[in-house]
Amino acid sequence: MLGWKEYVEIGGLIAYGPNRDESYRRIAVYVDKILKGAKPGDLPIEQPTRFELVINLKTAKALGVAIPQAVLVRADRLIE
């Protein structure tokens, strides 16, 4: 079980974690506010809002792991 989809893309089995692209966009908004004069201590702390479940079916097959259909249908992305 991994936290970033990029690890599954290179052979990991399953990743569930925040969407990195969305996180980077939120970071850019914070940097913009700080560069425009906002005090970092005055900015609210935000939690990720979008999480992704990515499953590598090729790795599952190589490991002999059967992924339940209920999990497969919930996946945001399946790598075959």
C-alpha atoms as a PDB file:
ATOM      1  CA  MET A   1       0.000   0.000   0.000  1.00  0.00           C
ATOM      2  CA  LEU A   2       1.515   3.265  -1.124  1.00  0.00           C
ATOM      3  CA  GLY A   3       0.606   6.902  -0.757  1.00  0.00           C
ATOM      4  CA  TRP A   4       1.355   8.168  -4.275  1.00  0.00           C
ATOM      5  CA  LYS A   5       0.011   6.912  -7.602  1.00  0.00           C
ATOM      6  CA  GLU A   6       3.418   7.382  -9.231  1.00  0.00           C
ATOM      7  CA  TYR A   7       4.759   4.385  -7.289  1.00  0.00           C
ATOM      8  CA  VAL A   8       1.965   2.198  -8.638  1.00  0.00           C
ATOM      9  CA  GLU A   9       2.690   3.395 -12.165  1.00  0.00           C
ATOM     10  CA  ILE A  10       6.210   1.958 -11.834  1.00  0.00           C
ATOM     11  CA  GLY A  11       5.147  -1.379 -10.360  1.00  0.00           C
ATOM     12  CA  GLY A  12       3.635  -0.924  -6.893  1.00  0.00           C
ATOM     13  CA  LEU A  13       0.394  -2.736  -6.122  1.00  0.00           C
ATOM     14  CA  ILE A  14      -2.037  -0.174  -4.654  1.00  0.00           C
ATOM     15  CA  ALA A  15      -1.897   3.510  -3.799  1.00  0.00           C
ATOM     16  CA  TYR A  16      -4.402   5.587  -1.907  1.00  0.00           C
ATOM     17  CA  GLY A  17      -3.570   9.171  -1.175  1.00  0.00           C
ATOM     18  CA  PRO A  18      -4.156  12.806  -1.985  1.00  0.00           C
ATOM     19  CA  ASN A  19      -4.102  13.960  -5.573  1.00  0.00           C
ATOM     20  CA  ARG A  20      -0.655  15.517  -5.977  1.00  0.00           C
ATOM     21  CA  ASP A  21      -1.671  17.816  -8.824  1.00  0.00           C
ATOM     22  CA  GLU A  22      -4.444  19.299  -6.701  1.00  0.00           C
ATOM     23  CA  SER A  23      -2.050  19.673  -3.758  1.00  0.00           C
ATOM     24  CA  TYR A  24       0.471  21.520  -5.919  1.00  0.00           C
ATOM     25  CA  ARG A  25      -2.249  23.890  -7.152  1.00  0.00           C
ATOM     26  CA  ARG A  26      -3.225  24.650  -3.549  1.00  0.00           C
ATOM     27  CA  ILE A  27       0.428  25.281  -2.660  1.00  0.00           C
ATOM     28  CA  ALA A  28       0.688  27.729  -5.574  1.00  0.00           C
ATOM     29  CA  VAL A  29      -2.320  29.650  -4.227  1.00  0.00           C
ATOM     30  CA  TYR A  30      -0.636  29.902  -0.817  1.00  0.00           C
ATOM     31  CA  VAL A  31       2.649  31.082  -2.333  1.00  0.00           C
ATOM     32  CA  ASP A  32       0.769  33.700  -4.355  1.00  0.00           C
ATOM     33  CA  LYS A  33      -0.958  35.022  -1.243  1.00  0.00           C
ATOM     34  CA  ILE A  34       2.328  35.194   0.671  1.00  0.00           C
ATOM     35  CA  LEU A  35       4.085  36.971  -2.190  1.00  0.00           C
ATOM     36  CA  LYS A  36       1.244  39.494  -2.207  1.00  0.00           C
ATOM     37  CA  GLY A  37       1.851  40.261   1.475  1.00  0.00           C
ATOM     38  CA  ALA A  38      -0.267  37.809   3.461  1.00  0.00           C
ATOM     39  CA  LYS A  39       1.283  36.576   6.678  1.00  0.00           C
ATOM     40  CA  PRO A  40       1.741  32.777   6.573  1.00  0.00           C
ATOM     41  CA  GLY A  41       0.448  32.498  10.154  1.00  0.00           C
ATOM     42  CA  ASP A  42      -2.826  34.140   9.116  1.00  0.00           C
ATOM     43  CA  LEU A  43      -3.541  31.636   6.328  1.00  0.00           C
ATOM     44  CA  PRO A  44      -5.822  28.714   7.172  1.00  0.00           C
ATOM     45  CA  ILE A  45      -4.503  25.176   7.268  1.00  0.00           C
ATOM     46  CA  GLU A  46      -6.117  23.067   4.562  1.00  0.00           C
ATOM     47  CA  GLN A  47      -6.609  19.332   4.263  1.00  0.00           C
ATOM     48  CA  PRO A  48      -6.508  17.535   0.907  1.00  0.00           C
ATOM     49  CA  THR A  49      -9.949  17.352  -0.644  1.00  0.00           C
ATOM     50  CA  ARG A  50      -9.387  14.760  -3.353  1.00  0.00           C
ATOM     51  CA  PHE A  51      -7.945  11.298  -2.783  1.00  0.00           C
ATOM     52  CA  GLU A  52      -7.191   8.692  -5.435  1.00  0.00           C
ATOM     53  CA  LEU A  53      -7.209   4.908  -5.386  1.00  0.00           C
ATOM     54  CA  VAL A  54      -4.930   3.429  -8.051  1.00  0.00           C
ATOM     55  CA  ILE A  55      -4.443  -0.320  -8.568  1.00  0.00           C
ATOM     56  CA  ASN A  56      -1.835  -2.036 -10.716  1.00  0.00           C
ATOM     57  CA  LEU A  57      -3.511  -5.190 -12.027  1.00  0.00           C
ATOM     58  CA  LYS A  58      -0.301  -6.386 -13.669  1.00  0.00           C
ATOM     59  CA  THR A  59       1.474  -6.389 -10.290  1.00  0.00           C
ATOM     60  CA  ALA A  60      -1.511  -8.060  -8.612  1.00  0.00           C
ATOM     61  CA  LYS A  61      -1.373 -10.853 -11.188  1.00  0.00           C
ATOM     62  CA  ALA A  62       2.404 -11.261 -10.771  1.00  0.00           C
ATOM     63  CA  LEU A  63       1.959 -11.531  -6.982  1.00  0.00           C
ATOM     64  CA  GLY A  64      -1.028 -13.853  -7.264  1.00  0.00           C
ATOM     65  CA  VAL A  65      -3.246 -11.364  -5.429  1.00  0.00           C
ATOM     66  CA  ALA A  66      -6.943 -11.276  -6.250  1.00  0.00           C
ATOM     67  CA  ILE A  67      -8.414  -7.807  -5.913  1.00  0.00           C
ATOM     68  CA  PRO A  68     -12.134  -7.979  -4.999  1.00  0.00           C
ATOM     69  CA  GLN A  69     -14.532  -6.564  -7.579  1.00  0.00           C
ATOM     70  CA  ALA A  70     -15.939  -4.178  -4.957  1.00  0.00           C
ATOM     71  CA  VAL A  71     -12.476  -2.585  -4.650  1.00  0.00           C
ATOM     72  CA  LEU A  72     -11.888  -2.507  -8.411  1.00  0.00           C
ATOM     73  CA  VAL A  73     -15.090  -0.564  -9.086  1.00  0.00           C
ATOM     74  CA  ARG A  74     -14.085   2.067  -6.512  1.00  0.00           C
ATOM     75  CA  ALA A  75     -10.651   2.602  -8.047  1.00  0.00           C
ATOM     76  CA  ASP A  76     -10.021   5.917  -9.780  1.00  0.00           C
ATOM     77  CA  ARG A  77      -7.552   4.223 -12.088  1.00  0.00           C
ATOM     78  CA  LEU A  78      -6.606   0.665 -13.009  1.00  0.00           C
ATOM     79  CA  ILE A  79      -3.226  -0.012 -14.562  1.00  0.00           C
ATOM     80  CA  GLU A  80      -3.297  -3.070 -16.806  1.00  0.00           C
END
